[in-house]
Amino acid sequence: MLKCYFELLEHLDMNDDTLVEYLPPPAANRRLRALLKELKKVESVAKALEGAEVTLLDVRVWFDGLLTIKPQYERYIGPRAQIIHSPGFEAACVRVLGGDAGRLKRAERAALEPFRHRQAEAAGEAREDGEGPSSSEEDSFVVQLQKRRRIARKEVKYDLLASIQPTSNIAERYFSVARTTLGQERHSLQPITLEIIMFLRQNAGYWNAQTVDNATQ
């Protein structure tokens, strides 16, 4: 609406007293322009959330960027917002995806335990245990110290975190498609029919038209 207003404002005769009487004053227009810039940033994030390859790290970076210009959004999109089902799990995923796995807290490590890549760790330990024998007792002690240092600085690997789609991503895309699907000409659709259509569209990657046809016969 603001965008349309400023597009129309360029074509209005500001010398027409009867028209100017109903228009906001210049000071209000400046505030509205500033608001329009902020809303464009919010819109860009909302559209980006509908992407197919958005990660939890992407969403957190975008939301934190919005919070710098709209701190009042903290209760809705902040790291500890009530809408977030598992704040600790999300924070842990963001740390790992951002290359900061070494700073995981105890609760965050516990949340990511099912995703821990144990085969890679076992292979690394096997390589370390398979190192050749040392020539002397002093060398053996040095090797042990070196091994301890490598283990201390070794980061635990976690699988599939980049494949976890954020809830906001799925919800934004789903509601966008639902709004388009319903439209003005389909208000007579029964709720169950709309639900079936949305279910098929949301999970279109798991079947094709032939699969649906075979299931309905």
N, C-alpha and C. Protein backbone atom coordinates (compact mmCIF):
# COMPACT_ATOMS: atom_id res chain seq x y z
N MET A 1 0.82 -1.20 0.00
CA MET A 1 0.00 0.00 0.00
C MET A 1 0.87 1.26 0.00
N LEU A 2 1.92 1.26 0.83
CA LEU A 2 2.82 2.42 0.86
C LEU A 2 3.51 2.62 -0.48
N LYS A 3 3.89 1.51 -1.10
CA LYS A 3 4.55 1.61 -2.40
C LYS A 3 3.62 2.24 -3.43
N CYS A 4 2.38 1.81 -3.46
CA CYS A 4 1.40 2.40 -4.39
C CYS A 4 1.16 3.87 -4.08
N TYR A 5 1.15 4.20 -2.80
CA TYR A 5 0.92 5.60 -2.41
C TYR A 5 2.00 6.51 -2.98
N PHE A 6 3.26 6.12 -2.83
CA PHE A 6 4.34 6.97 -3.31
C PHE A 6 4.43 6.98 -4.83
N GLU A 7 4.00 5.89 -5.46
CA GLU A 7 3.95 5.89 -6.93
C GLU A 7 2.88 6.86 -7.43
N LEU A 8 1.74 6.92 -6.74
CA LEU A 8 0.68 7.86 -7.12
C LEU A 8 1.03 9.29 -6.75
N LEU A 9 1.78 9.45 -5.67
CA LEU A 9 2.12 10.80 -5.20
C LEU A 9 2.89 11.59 -6.24
N GLU A 10 3.69 10.91 -7.04
CA GLU A 10 4.48 11.60 -8.06
C GLU A 10 3.60 12.23 -9.14
N HIS A 11 2.39 11.73 -9.31
CA HIS A 11 1.51 12.22 -10.37
C HIS A 11 0.41 13.15 -9.86
N LEU A 12 0.42 13.45 -8.57
CA LEU A 12 -0.60 14.33 -8.01
C LEU A 12 -0.18 15.79 -8.10
N ASP A 13 -1.14 16.64 -8.28
CA ASP A 13 -0.89 18.08 -8.34
C ASP A 13 -0.86 18.64 -6.92
N MET A 14 0.33 18.97 -6.45
CA MET A 14 0.47 19.45 -5.08
C MET A 14 -0.04 20.88 -4.91
N ASN A 15 -0.39 21.54 -6.01
CA ASN A 15 -0.94 22.90 -5.94
C ASN A 15 -2.46 22.90 -5.83
N ASP A 16 -3.05 21.73 -5.91
CA ASP A 16 -4.50 21.60 -5.79
C ASP A 16 -4.86 21.59 -4.30
N ASP A 17 -5.42 22.69 -3.82
CA ASP A 17 -5.71 22.82 -2.39
C ASP A 17 -6.71 21.78 -1.90
N THR A 18 -7.68 21.46 -2.73
CA THR A 18 -8.70 20.49 -2.30
C THR A 18 -8.11 19.09 -2.14
N LEU A 19 -7.06 18.81 -2.90
CA LEU A 19 -6.43 17.50 -2.83
C LEU A 19 -5.37 17.44 -1.72
N VAL A 20 -4.58 18.50 -1.62
CA VAL A 20 -3.50 18.53 -0.63
C VAL A 20 -4.05 18.44 0.79
N GLU A 21 -5.27 18.91 0.96
CA GLU A 21 -5.87 18.89 2.29
C GLU A 21 -5.96 17.48 2.86
N TYR A 22 -6.08 16.48 1.97
CA TYR A 22 -6.25 15.10 2.42
C TYR A 22 -4.94 14.31 2.43
N LEU A 23 -3.85 14.93 2.02
CA LEU A 23 -2.56 14.23 1.96
C LEU A 23 -1.76 14.45 3.23
N PRO A 24 -0.92 13.49 3.61
CA PRO A 24 -0.07 13.67 4.79
C PRO A 24 0.91 14.82 4.57
N PRO A 25 1.31 15.51 5.60
CA PRO A 25 2.29 16.60 5.47
C PRO A 25 3.67 16.04 5.10
N PRO A 26 4.58 16.91 4.63
CA PRO A 26 5.92 16.45 4.23
C PRO A 26 6.65 15.67 5.32
N ALA A 27 6.53 16.09 6.57
CA ALA A 27 7.21 15.37 7.65
C ALA A 27 6.69 13.94 7.77
N ALA A 28 5.39 13.77 7.63
CA ALA A 28 4.81 12.43 7.69
C ALA A 28 5.25 11.59 6.50
N ASN A 29 5.38 12.23 5.33
CA ASN A 29 5.85 11.50 4.15
C ASN A 29 7.28 10.98 4.34
N ARG A 30 8.11 11.77 5.01
CA ARG A 30 9.48 11.32 5.26
C ARG A 30 9.49 10.09 6.16
N ARG A 31 8.63 10.12 7.17
CA ARG A 31 8.55 8.96 8.06
C ARG A 31 8.00 7.74 7.32
N LEU A 32 7.05 7.97 6.44
CA LEU A 32 6.48 6.87 5.66
C LEU A 32 7.51 6.27 4.70
N ARG A 33 8.35 7.13 4.13
CA ARG A 33 9.41 6.62 3.23
C ARG A 33 10.40 5.75 4.01
N ALA A 34 10.74 6.21 5.21
CA ALA A 34 11.65 5.41 6.04
C ALA A 34 11.01 4.07 6.41
N LEU A 35 9.70 4.10 6.69
CA LEU A 35 8.99 2.87 7.00
C LEU A 35 8.96 1.94 5.79
N LEU A 36 8.79 2.51 4.60
CA LEU A 36 8.75 1.70 3.38
C LEU A 36 10.08 0.98 3.17
N LYS A 37 11.19 1.66 3.44
CA LYS A 37 12.50 1.01 3.30
C LYS A 37 12.64 -0.17 4.25
N GLU A 38 12.15 0.01 5.48
CA GLU A 38 12.22 -1.09 6.44
C GLU A 38 11.33 -2.25 6.03
N LEU A 39 10.15 -1.94 5.52
CA LEU A 39 9.23 -3.00 5.09
C LEU A 39 9.79 -3.77 3.90
N LYS A 40 10.54 -3.09 3.03
CA LYS A 40 11.16 -3.79 1.90
C LYS A 40 12.19 -4.80 2.38
N LYS A 41 12.91 -4.44 3.44
CA LYS A 41 13.88 -5.38 4.00
C LYS A 41 13.18 -6.59 4.60
N VAL A 42 12.07 -6.34 5.29
CA VAL A 42 11.29 -7.44 5.86
C VAL A 42 10.75 -8.33 4.75
N GLU A 43 10.28 -7.71 3.67
CA GLU A 43 9.74 -8.48 2.55
C GLU A 43 10.81 -9.33 1.89
N SER A 44 12.02 -8.78 1.76
CA SER A 44 13.10 -9.54 1.14
C SER A 44 13.43 -10.79 1.95
N VAL A 45 13.39 -10.68 3.28
CA VAL A 45 13.63 -11.84 4.13
C VAL A 45 12.49 -12.84 3.99
N ALA A 46 11.25 -12.36 3.97
CA ALA A 46 10.10 -13.25 3.84
C ALA A 46 10.15 -14.04 2.54
N LYS A 47 10.57 -13.40 1.45
CA LYS A 47 10.68 -14.10 0.17
C LYS A 47 11.84 -15.09 0.18
N ALA A 48 12.95 -14.69 0.80
CA ALA A 48 14.11 -15.59 0.85
C ALA A 48 13.80 -16.85 1.66
N LEU A 49 12.91 -16.73 2.64
CA LEU A 49 12.56 -17.88 3.47
C LEU A 49 11.87 -18.98 2.67
N GLU A 50 11.34 -18.65 1.50
CA GLU A 50 10.64 -19.64 0.70
C GLU A 50 11.59 -20.44 -0.18
N GLY A 51 12.89 -20.16 -0.09
CA GLY A 51 13.86 -20.90 -0.89
C GLY A 51 13.91 -22.37 -0.52
N ALA A 52 14.35 -23.19 -1.46
CA ALA A 52 14.37 -24.64 -1.25
C ALA A 52 15.60 -25.12 -0.50
N GLU A 53 16.66 -24.34 -0.47
CA GLU A 53 17.92 -24.78 0.15
C GLU A 53 18.35 -23.84 1.27
N VAL A 54 17.41 -23.39 2.05
CA VAL A 54 17.69 -22.49 3.17
C VAL A 54 18.03 -23.31 4.41
N THR A 55 19.09 -22.96 5.10
CA THR A 55 19.51 -23.68 6.30
C THR A 55 19.13 -22.89 7.55
N LEU A 56 19.27 -23.53 8.69
CA LEU A 56 19.01 -22.86 9.96
C LEU A 56 19.95 -21.68 10.17
N LEU A 57 21.18 -21.82 9.69
CA LEU A 57 22.14 -20.72 9.81
C LEU A 57 21.70 -19.52 8.98
N ASP A 58 21.22 -19.77 7.76
CA ASP A 58 20.74 -18.68 6.90
C ASP A 58 19.63 -17.89 7.59
N VAL A 59 18.66 -18.62 8.13
CA VAL A 59 17.51 -17.97 8.76
C VAL A 59 17.94 -17.16 9.98
N ARG A 60 18.85 -17.71 10.78
CA ARG A 60 19.28 -16.98 11.97
C ARG A 60 20.03 -15.71 11.60
N VAL A 61 20.85 -15.78 10.55
CA VAL A 61 21.57 -14.58 10.10
C VAL A 61 20.58 -13.52 9.61
N TRP A 62 19.58 -13.94 8.85
CA TRP A 62 18.58 -12.98 8.34
C TRP A 62 17.76 -12.39 9.48
N PHE A 63 17.32 -13.23 10.40
CA PHE A 63 16.52 -12.74 11.51
C PHE A 63 17.32 -11.79 12.40
N ASP A 64 18.57 -12.11 12.65
CA ASP A 64 19.41 -11.21 13.45
C ASP A 64 19.60 -9.88 12.75
N GLY A 65 19.68 -9.92 11.41
CA GLY A 65 19.77 -8.67 10.66
C GLY A 65 18.52 -7.83 10.81
N LEU A 66 17.35 -8.49 10.80
CA LEU A 66 16.09 -7.75 10.99
C LEU A 66 16.01 -7.16 12.39
N LEU A 67 16.54 -7.89 13.37
CA LEU A 67 16.48 -7.40 14.75
C LEU A 67 17.31 -6.15 14.95
N THR A 68 18.31 -5.93 14.10
CA THR A 68 19.10 -4.70 14.23
C THR A 68 18.30 -3.47 13.84
N ILE A 69 17.33 -3.64 12.94
CA ILE A 69 16.51 -2.50 12.52
C ILE A 69 15.13 -2.52 13.18
N LYS A 70 14.72 -3.68 13.67
CA LYS A 70 13.42 -3.80 14.33
C LYS A 70 13.58 -4.61 15.63
N PRO A 71 14.15 -4.00 16.67
CA PRO A 71 14.35 -4.75 17.93
C PRO A 71 13.06 -5.29 18.53
N GLN A 72 11.94 -4.66 18.20
CA GLN A 72 10.67 -5.11 18.76
C GLN A 72 10.25 -6.48 18.22
N TYR A 73 10.94 -6.99 17.20
CA TYR A 73 10.64 -8.32 16.67
C TYR A 73 11.26 -9.43 17.52
N GLU A 74 12.01 -9.07 18.55
CA GLU A 74 12.74 -10.05 19.35
C GLU A 74 11.82 -11.14 19.90
N ARG A 75 10.65 -10.78 20.33
CA ARG A 75 9.73 -11.76 20.92
C ARG A 75 9.14 -12.71 19.88
N TYR A 76 9.29 -12.37 18.60
CA TYR A 76 8.73 -13.21 17.54
C TYR A 76 9.80 -14.03 16.81
N ILE A 77 10.98 -13.45 16.54
CA ILE A 77 11.99 -14.14 15.74
C ILE A 77 13.34 -14.20 16.43
N GLY A 78 13.40 -13.85 17.70
CA GLY A 78 14.66 -13.92 18.43
C GLY A 78 15.08 -15.36 18.68
N PRO A 79 16.34 -15.60 19.07
CA PRO A 79 16.82 -16.96 19.32
C PRO A 79 16.04 -17.69 20.40
N ARG A 80 15.43 -16.95 21.32
CA ARG A 80 14.67 -17.55 22.41
C ARG A 80 13.19 -17.22 22.34
N ALA A 81 12.68 -16.96 21.17
CA ALA A 81 11.26 -16.64 21.01
C ALA A 81 10.41 -17.85 21.40
N GLN A 82 9.20 -17.58 21.88
CA GLN A 82 8.33 -18.66 22.35
C GLN A 82 7.92 -19.60 21.22
N ILE A 83 7.93 -19.11 19.99
CA ILE A 83 7.49 -19.93 18.87
C ILE A 83 8.50 -21.02 18.53
N ILE A 84 9.75 -20.87 18.97
CA ILE A 84 10.80 -21.84 18.67
C ILE A 84 10.60 -23.07 19.55
N HIS A 85 10.47 -24.21 18.93
CA HIS A 85 10.17 -25.45 19.66
C HIS A 85 11.35 -25.90 20.51
N SER A 86 12.56 -25.89 19.94
CA SER A 86 13.76 -26.35 20.66
C SER A 86 14.88 -25.33 20.49
N PRO A 87 14.89 -24.29 21.31
CA PRO A 87 15.91 -23.24 21.16
C PRO A 87 17.34 -23.77 21.27
N GLY A 88 17.57 -24.72 22.18
CA GLY A 88 18.91 -25.26 22.34
C GLY A 88 19.38 -26.01 21.11
N PHE A 89 18.49 -26.78 20.51
CA PHE A 89 18.85 -27.54 19.31
C PHE A 89 19.14 -26.59 18.15
N GLU A 90 18.31 -25.56 17.97
CA GLU A 90 18.54 -24.61 16.89
C GLU A 90 19.85 -23.86 17.09
N ALA A 91 20.12 -23.43 18.32
CA ALA A 91 21.37 -22.72 18.59
C ALA A 91 22.57 -23.61 18.31
N ALA A 92 22.47 -24.90 18.64
CA ALA A 92 23.57 -25.83 18.38
C ALA A 92 23.79 -26.01 16.89
N CYS A 93 22.72 -26.14 16.13
CA CYS A 93 22.85 -26.28 14.67
C CYS A 93 23.50 -25.05 14.06
N VAL A 94 23.10 -23.88 14.53
CA VAL A 94 23.66 -22.63 14.00
C VAL A 94 25.16 -22.56 14.30
N ARG A 95 25.56 -22.96 15.48
CA ARG A 95 26.99 -22.94 15.83
C ARG A 95 27.79 -23.85 14.92
N VAL A 96 27.30 -25.07 14.73
CA VAL A 96 28.04 -26.04 13.91
C VAL A 96 28.08 -25.60 12.45
N LEU A 97 26.95 -25.18 11.91
CA LEU A 97 26.92 -24.74 10.52
C LEU A 97 27.78 -23.50 10.30
N GLY A 98 27.95 -22.70 11.34
CA GLY A 98 28.80 -21.52 11.24
C GLY A 98 30.26 -21.80 11.50
N GLY A 99 30.63 -23.08 11.64
CA GLY A 99 32.01 -23.44 11.86
C GLY A 99 32.51 -23.17 13.26
N ASP A 100 31.59 -23.15 14.22
CA ASP A 100 31.95 -22.83 15.60
C ASP A 100 31.58 -23.98 16.53
N ALA A 101 31.80 -25.21 16.05
CA ALA A 101 31.42 -26.38 16.84
C ALA A 101 32.21 -26.49 18.13
N GLY A 102 33.38 -25.92 18.18
CA GLY A 102 34.20 -26.01 19.37
C GLY A 102 33.64 -25.26 20.56
N ARG A 103 32.67 -24.39 20.35
CA ARG A 103 32.09 -23.60 21.42
C ARG A 103 30.71 -24.12 21.86
N LEU A 104 30.38 -25.33 21.46
CA LEU A 104 29.10 -25.90 21.86
C LEU A 104 29.03 -26.08 23.37
N LYS A 105 27.89 -25.73 23.93
CA LYS A 105 27.66 -25.95 25.35
C LYS A 105 27.25 -27.40 25.59
N ARG A 106 27.27 -27.80 26.85
CA ARG A 106 26.97 -29.20 27.17
C ARG A 106 25.57 -29.59 26.69
N ALA A 107 24.58 -28.74 26.95
CA ALA A 107 23.21 -29.05 26.53
C ALA A 107 23.10 -29.09 25.02
N GLU A 108 23.85 -28.24 24.33
CA GLU A 108 23.81 -28.22 22.87
C GLU A 108 24.46 -29.48 22.29
N ARG A 109 25.56 -29.92 22.89
CA ARG A 109 26.18 -31.17 22.43
C ARG A 109 25.23 -32.35 22.63
N ALA A 110 24.51 -32.35 23.74
CA ALA A 110 23.56 -33.43 23.99
C ALA A 110 22.43 -33.41 22.96
N ALA A 111 22.00 -32.22 22.56
CA ALA A 111 20.92 -32.11 21.57
C ALA A 111 21.35 -32.63 20.20
N LEU A 112 22.64 -32.50 19.88
CA LEU A 112 23.15 -32.93 18.57
C LEU A 112 23.72 -34.34 18.59
N GLU A 113 23.65 -35.01 19.71
CA GLU A 113 24.25 -36.35 19.82
C GLU A 113 23.75 -37.32 18.75
N PRO A 114 22.45 -37.33 18.39
CA PRO A 114 21.99 -38.27 17.34
C PRO A 114 22.61 -38.00 15.98
N PHE A 115 23.15 -36.82 15.75
CA PHE A 115 23.73 -36.47 14.45
C PHE A 115 25.25 -36.62 14.43
N ARG A 116 25.82 -37.10 15.50
CA ARG A 116 27.28 -37.19 15.61
C ARG A 116 27.82 -38.24 14.63
N HIS A 117 28.89 -37.86 13.92
CA HIS A 117 29.49 -38.73 12.91
C HIS A 117 30.54 -39.61 13.59
N ARG A 118 30.12 -40.77 14.06
CA ARG A 118 31.02 -41.62 14.83
C ARG A 118 31.97 -42.41 13.94
N GLN A 119 31.57 -42.71 12.72
CA GLN A 119 32.45 -43.48 11.84
C GLN A 119 33.72 -42.70 11.51
N ALA A 120 33.57 -41.39 11.26
CA ALA A 120 34.74 -40.58 10.96
C ALA A 120 35.66 -40.49 12.18
N GLU A 121 35.08 -40.39 13.37
CA GLU A 121 35.89 -40.33 14.58
C GLU A 121 36.63 -41.65 14.80
N ALA A 122 35.93 -42.77 14.55
CA ALA A 122 36.57 -44.07 14.73
C ALA A 122 37.71 -44.26 13.74
N ALA A 123 37.50 -43.80 12.50
CA ALA A 123 38.55 -43.91 11.50
C ALA A 123 39.76 -43.08 11.89
N GLY A 124 39.52 -41.88 12.42
CA GLY A 124 40.63 -41.03 12.85
C GLY A 124 41.40 -41.65 14.00
N GLU A 125 40.68 -42.25 14.95
CA GLU A 125 41.35 -42.89 16.08
C GLU A 125 42.15 -44.11 15.62
N ALA A 126 41.61 -44.83 14.62
CA ALA A 126 42.33 -46.00 14.11
C ALA A 126 43.63 -45.58 13.44
N ARG A 127 43.59 -44.48 12.70
CA ARG A 127 44.82 -43.99 12.06
C ARG A 127 45.84 -43.59 13.11
N GLU A 128 45.38 -42.96 14.18
CA GLU A 128 46.31 -42.55 15.23
C GLU A 128 46.91 -43.75 15.95
N ASP A 129 46.06 -44.77 16.20
CA ASP A 129 46.55 -45.96 16.88
C ASP A 129 47.47 -46.78 15.99
N GLY A 130 47.32 -46.61 14.69
CA GLY A 130 48.13 -47.39 13.76
C GLY A 130 49.45 -46.76 13.42
N GLU A 131 49.82 -45.68 14.06
CA GLU A 131 51.09 -45.06 13.78
C GLU A 131 52.23 -45.98 14.20
N GLY A 132 53.33 -45.89 13.50
CA GLY A 132 54.46 -46.77 13.73
C GLY A 132 55.01 -46.62 15.14
N PRO A 133 55.66 -47.67 15.66
CA PRO A 133 56.23 -47.62 17.01
C PRO A 133 57.39 -46.66 17.07
N SER A 134 57.58 -46.05 18.22
CA SER A 134 58.66 -45.09 18.41
C SER A 134 59.96 -45.81 18.68
N SER A 135 61.06 -45.12 18.45
CA SER A 135 62.38 -45.74 18.58
C SER A 135 62.87 -45.77 20.01
N SER A 136 62.28 -44.99 20.89
CA SER A 136 62.74 -44.95 22.26
C SER A 136 61.60 -44.58 23.18
N GLU A 137 61.86 -44.73 24.48
CA GLU A 137 60.83 -44.39 25.46
C GLU A 137 60.52 -42.91 25.44
N GLU A 138 61.55 -42.06 25.21
CA GLU A 138 61.34 -40.62 25.14
C GLU A 138 60.46 -40.27 23.95
N ASP A 139 60.73 -40.91 22.79
CA ASP A 139 59.91 -40.64 21.61
C ASP A 139 58.47 -41.08 21.85
N SER A 140 58.28 -42.20 22.55
CA SER A 140 56.93 -42.68 22.82
C SER A 140 56.16 -41.66 23.66
N PHE A 141 56.83 -41.07 24.63
CA PHE A 141 56.17 -40.06 25.46
C PHE A 141 55.78 -38.84 24.64
N VAL A 142 56.67 -38.41 23.73
CA VAL A 142 56.38 -37.27 22.87
C VAL A 142 55.19 -37.57 21.96
N VAL A 143 55.16 -38.80 21.43
CA VAL A 143 54.04 -39.19 20.57
C VAL A 143 52.72 -39.13 21.34
N GLN A 144 52.74 -39.57 22.58
CA GLN A 144 51.53 -39.52 23.39
C GLN A 144 51.06 -38.09 23.61
N LEU A 145 52.01 -37.19 23.86
CA LEU A 145 51.64 -35.79 24.06
C LEU A 145 51.06 -35.20 22.78
N GLN A 146 51.65 -35.54 21.64
CA GLN A 146 51.15 -35.04 20.36
C GLN A 146 49.75 -35.56 20.10
N LYS A 147 49.53 -36.83 20.43
CA LYS A 147 48.21 -37.41 20.21
C LYS A 147 47.15 -36.73 21.08
N ARG A 148 47.52 -36.43 22.32
CA ARG A 148 46.58 -35.73 23.21
C ARG A 148 46.24 -34.35 22.66
N ARG A 149 47.22 -33.68 22.10
CA ARG A 149 46.96 -32.35 21.55
C ARG A 149 46.02 -32.43 20.36
N ARG A 150 46.22 -33.45 19.50
CA ARG A 150 45.35 -33.60 18.34
C ARG A 150 43.92 -33.91 18.77
N ILE A 151 43.78 -34.76 19.78
CA ILE A 151 42.44 -35.11 20.26
C ILE A 151 41.75 -33.90 20.87
N ALA A 152 42.52 -33.07 21.59
CA ALA A 152 41.94 -31.90 22.24
C ALA A 152 41.43 -30.89 21.24
N ARG A 153 42.15 -30.75 20.12
CA ARG A 153 41.74 -29.74 19.15
C ARG A 153 40.84 -30.30 18.06
N LYS A 154 40.63 -31.62 18.06
CA LYS A 154 39.80 -32.25 17.04
C LYS A 154 38.34 -31.90 17.27
N GLU A 155 37.67 -31.45 16.22
CA GLU A 155 36.26 -31.10 16.33
C GLU A 155 35.38 -32.30 15.99
N VAL A 156 34.33 -32.45 16.74
CA VAL A 156 33.38 -33.52 16.48
C VAL A 156 32.59 -33.18 15.21
N LYS A 157 32.39 -34.18 14.37
CA LYS A 157 31.65 -33.99 13.13
C LYS A 157 30.19 -34.35 13.32
N TYR A 158 29.32 -33.57 12.70
CA TYR A 158 27.88 -33.83 12.77
C TYR A 158 27.33 -33.89 11.35
N ASP A 159 26.47 -34.87 11.10
CA ASP A 159 25.91 -35.09 9.77
C ASP A 159 24.52 -34.48 9.63
N LEU A 160 24.18 -34.14 8.40
CA LEU A 160 22.81 -33.80 7.99
C LEU A 160 22.26 -32.50 8.56
N LEU A 161 23.06 -31.73 9.29
CA LEU A 161 22.52 -30.49 9.86
C LEU A 161 22.13 -29.50 8.78
N ALA A 162 22.89 -29.49 7.68
CA ALA A 162 22.58 -28.56 6.59
C ALA A 162 21.31 -28.95 5.85
N SER A 163 20.84 -30.18 6.06
CA SER A 163 19.62 -30.65 5.38
C SER A 163 18.36 -30.37 6.18
N ILE A 164 18.50 -29.92 7.41
CA ILE A 164 17.33 -29.64 8.25
C ILE A 164 16.74 -28.30 7.84
N GLN A 165 15.53 -28.32 7.34
CA GLN A 165 14.87 -27.08 6.93
C GLN A 165 14.24 -26.41 8.14
N PRO A 166 14.43 -25.11 8.28
CA PRO A 166 13.79 -24.40 9.39
C PRO A 166 12.28 -24.38 9.25
N THR A 167 11.59 -24.36 10.38
CA THR A 167 10.13 -24.33 10.35
C THR A 167 9.60 -23.12 9.60
N SER A 168 10.26 -21.98 9.78
CA SER A 168 9.81 -20.76 9.11
C SER A 168 9.87 -20.91 7.60
N ASN A 169 10.87 -21.64 7.11
CA ASN A 169 11.01 -21.85 5.67
C ASN A 169 9.83 -22.64 5.13
N ILE A 170 9.51 -23.75 5.78
CA ILE A 170 8.41 -24.59 5.33
C ILE A 170 7.07 -23.86 5.46
N ALA A 171 6.88 -23.16 6.57
CA ALA A 171 5.62 -22.46 6.80
C ALA A 171 5.41 -21.33 5.81
N GLU A 172 6.46 -20.55 5.55
CA GLU A 172 6.34 -19.45 4.60
C GLU A 172 5.95 -19.96 3.23
N ARG A 173 6.62 -21.03 2.77
CA ARG A 173 6.32 -21.56 1.45
C ARG A 173 4.93 -22.17 1.42
N TYR A 174 4.54 -22.84 2.49
CA TYR A 174 3.24 -23.49 2.53
C TYR A 174 2.11 -22.46 2.47
N PHE A 175 2.19 -21.42 3.31
CA PHE A 175 1.12 -20.42 3.34
C PHE A 175 1.08 -19.60 2.06
N SER A 176 2.25 -19.39 1.44
CA SER A 176 2.28 -18.67 0.18
C SER A 176 1.55 -19.47 -0.90
N VAL A 177 1.81 -20.77 -0.95
CA VAL A 177 1.14 -21.62 -1.93
C VAL A 177 -0.35 -21.73 -1.61
N ALA A 178 -0.70 -21.82 -0.33
CA ALA A 178 -2.11 -21.92 0.05
C ALA A 178 -2.88 -20.68 -0.36
N ARG A 179 -2.27 -19.52 -0.16
CA ARG A 179 -2.93 -18.27 -0.53
C ARG A 179 -3.16 -18.21 -2.04
N THR A 180 -2.17 -18.68 -2.81
CA THR A 180 -2.31 -18.69 -4.27
C THR A 180 -3.32 -19.73 -4.72
N THR A 181 -3.32 -20.88 -4.07
CA THR A 181 -4.22 -21.96 -4.47
C THR A 181 -5.68 -21.61 -4.23
N LEU A 182 -5.97 -21.01 -3.09
CA LEU A 182 -7.36 -20.67 -2.77
C LEU A 182 -7.88 -19.60 -3.71
N GLY A 183 -7.22 -18.44 -3.72
CA GLY A 183 -7.59 -17.38 -4.66
C GLY A 183 -9.03 -16.93 -4.52
N GLN A 184 -9.40 -16.00 -5.38
CA GLN A 184 -10.76 -15.47 -5.36
C GLN A 184 -11.76 -16.41 -6.00
N GLU A 185 -11.28 -17.21 -6.98
CA GLU A 185 -12.21 -18.04 -7.73
C GLU A 185 -12.44 -19.41 -7.10
N ARG A 186 -11.76 -19.69 -5.98
CA ARG A 186 -11.88 -21.02 -5.39
C ARG A 186 -12.39 -20.97 -3.95
N HIS A 187 -13.11 -19.94 -3.60
CA HIS A 187 -13.63 -19.83 -2.24
C HIS A 187 -14.70 -20.88 -1.95
N SER A 188 -15.23 -21.51 -2.98
CA SER A 188 -16.26 -22.53 -2.77
C SER A 188 -15.66 -23.91 -2.48
N LEU A 189 -14.34 -24.02 -2.47
CA LEU A 189 -13.70 -25.31 -2.19
C LEU A 189 -14.04 -25.79 -0.78
N GLN A 190 -14.32 -27.07 -0.66
CA GLN A 190 -14.51 -27.66 0.65
C GLN A 190 -13.16 -27.73 1.38
N PRO A 191 -13.14 -27.56 2.69
CA PRO A 191 -11.86 -27.61 3.43
C PRO A 191 -11.06 -28.88 3.17
N ILE A 192 -11.75 -30.04 3.09
CA ILE A 192 -11.04 -31.29 2.87
C ILE A 192 -10.40 -31.32 1.48
N THR A 193 -11.06 -30.71 0.50
CA THR A 193 -10.50 -30.66 -0.86
C THR A 193 -9.25 -29.80 -0.89
N LEU A 194 -9.33 -28.63 -0.24
CA LEU A 194 -8.16 -27.76 -0.18
C LEU A 194 -7.01 -28.45 0.56
N GLU A 195 -7.34 -29.18 1.61
CA GLU A 195 -6.30 -29.88 2.38
C GLU A 195 -5.61 -30.93 1.51
N ILE A 196 -6.39 -31.66 0.71
CA ILE A 196 -5.80 -32.69 -0.16
C ILE A 196 -4.89 -32.05 -1.20
N ILE A 197 -5.37 -30.96 -1.81
CA ILE A 197 -4.56 -30.27 -2.82
C ILE A 197 -3.25 -29.78 -2.22
N MET A 198 -3.33 -29.18 -1.04
CA MET A 198 -2.12 -28.66 -0.40
C MET A 198 -1.18 -29.79 0.01
N PHE A 199 -1.74 -30.91 0.45
CA PHE A 199 -0.91 -32.05 0.84
C PHE A 199 -0.14 -32.58 -0.37
N LEU A 200 -0.83 -32.69 -1.50
CA LEU A 200 -0.18 -33.20 -2.70
C LEU A 200 0.90 -32.24 -3.20
N ARG A 201 0.62 -30.95 -3.14
CA ARG A 201 1.60 -29.97 -3.61
C ARG A 201 2.81 -29.90 -2.68
N GLN A 202 2.57 -29.94 -1.39
CA GLN A 202 3.66 -29.82 -0.43
C GLN A 202 4.62 -31.00 -0.53
N ASN A 203 4.09 -32.17 -0.88
CA ASN A 203 4.91 -33.37 -0.96
C ASN A 203 5.06 -33.86 -2.39
N ALA A 204 5.06 -32.93 -3.33
CA ALA A 204 5.10 -33.30 -4.75
C ALA A 204 6.37 -34.06 -5.12
N GLY A 205 7.43 -33.90 -4.35
CA GLY A 205 8.67 -34.58 -4.68
C GLY A 205 8.64 -36.08 -4.42
N TYR A 206 7.61 -36.56 -3.74
CA TYR A 206 7.55 -37.98 -3.39
C TYR A 206 6.71 -38.80 -4.36
N TRP A 207 6.00 -38.15 -5.27
CA TRP A 207 5.18 -38.88 -6.23
C TRP A 207 4.91 -38.01 -7.45
N ASN A 208 4.34 -38.62 -8.49
CA ASN A 208 3.96 -37.89 -9.69
C ASN A 208 2.48 -38.13 -9.96
N ALA A 209 2.01 -37.61 -11.09
CA ALA A 209 0.59 -37.72 -11.42
C ALA A 209 0.16 -39.17 -11.57
N GLN A 210 1.06 -40.02 -12.10
CA GLN A 210 0.72 -41.43 -12.28
C GLN A 210 0.50 -42.13 -10.94
N THR A 211 1.32 -41.79 -9.96
CA THR A 211 1.17 -42.39 -8.63
C THR A 211 -0.17 -42.02 -8.01
N VAL A 212 -0.54 -40.74 -8.12
CA VAL A 212 -1.83 -40.30 -7.58
C VAL A 212 -2.98 -40.97 -8.30
N ASP A 213 -2.86 -41.11 -9.63
CA ASP A 213 -3.93 -41.74 -10.41
C ASP A 213 -4.10 -43.20 -10.00
N ASN A 214 -3.00 -43.89 -9.79
CA ASN A 214 -3.09 -45.30 -9.38
C ASN A 214 -3.71 -45.43 -7.99
N ALA A 215 -3.42 -44.48 -7.11
CA ALA A 215 -3.93 -44.54 -5.74
C ALA A 215 -5.42 -44.25 -5.66
N THR A 216 -5.94 -43.50 -6.61
CA THR A 216 -7.36 -43.11 -6.57
C THR A 216 -8.25 -44.06 -7.37
N GLN A 217 -7.66 -45.02 -8.03
CA GLN A 217 -8.48 -45.96 -8.80
C GLN A 217 -9.04 -47.07 -7.92
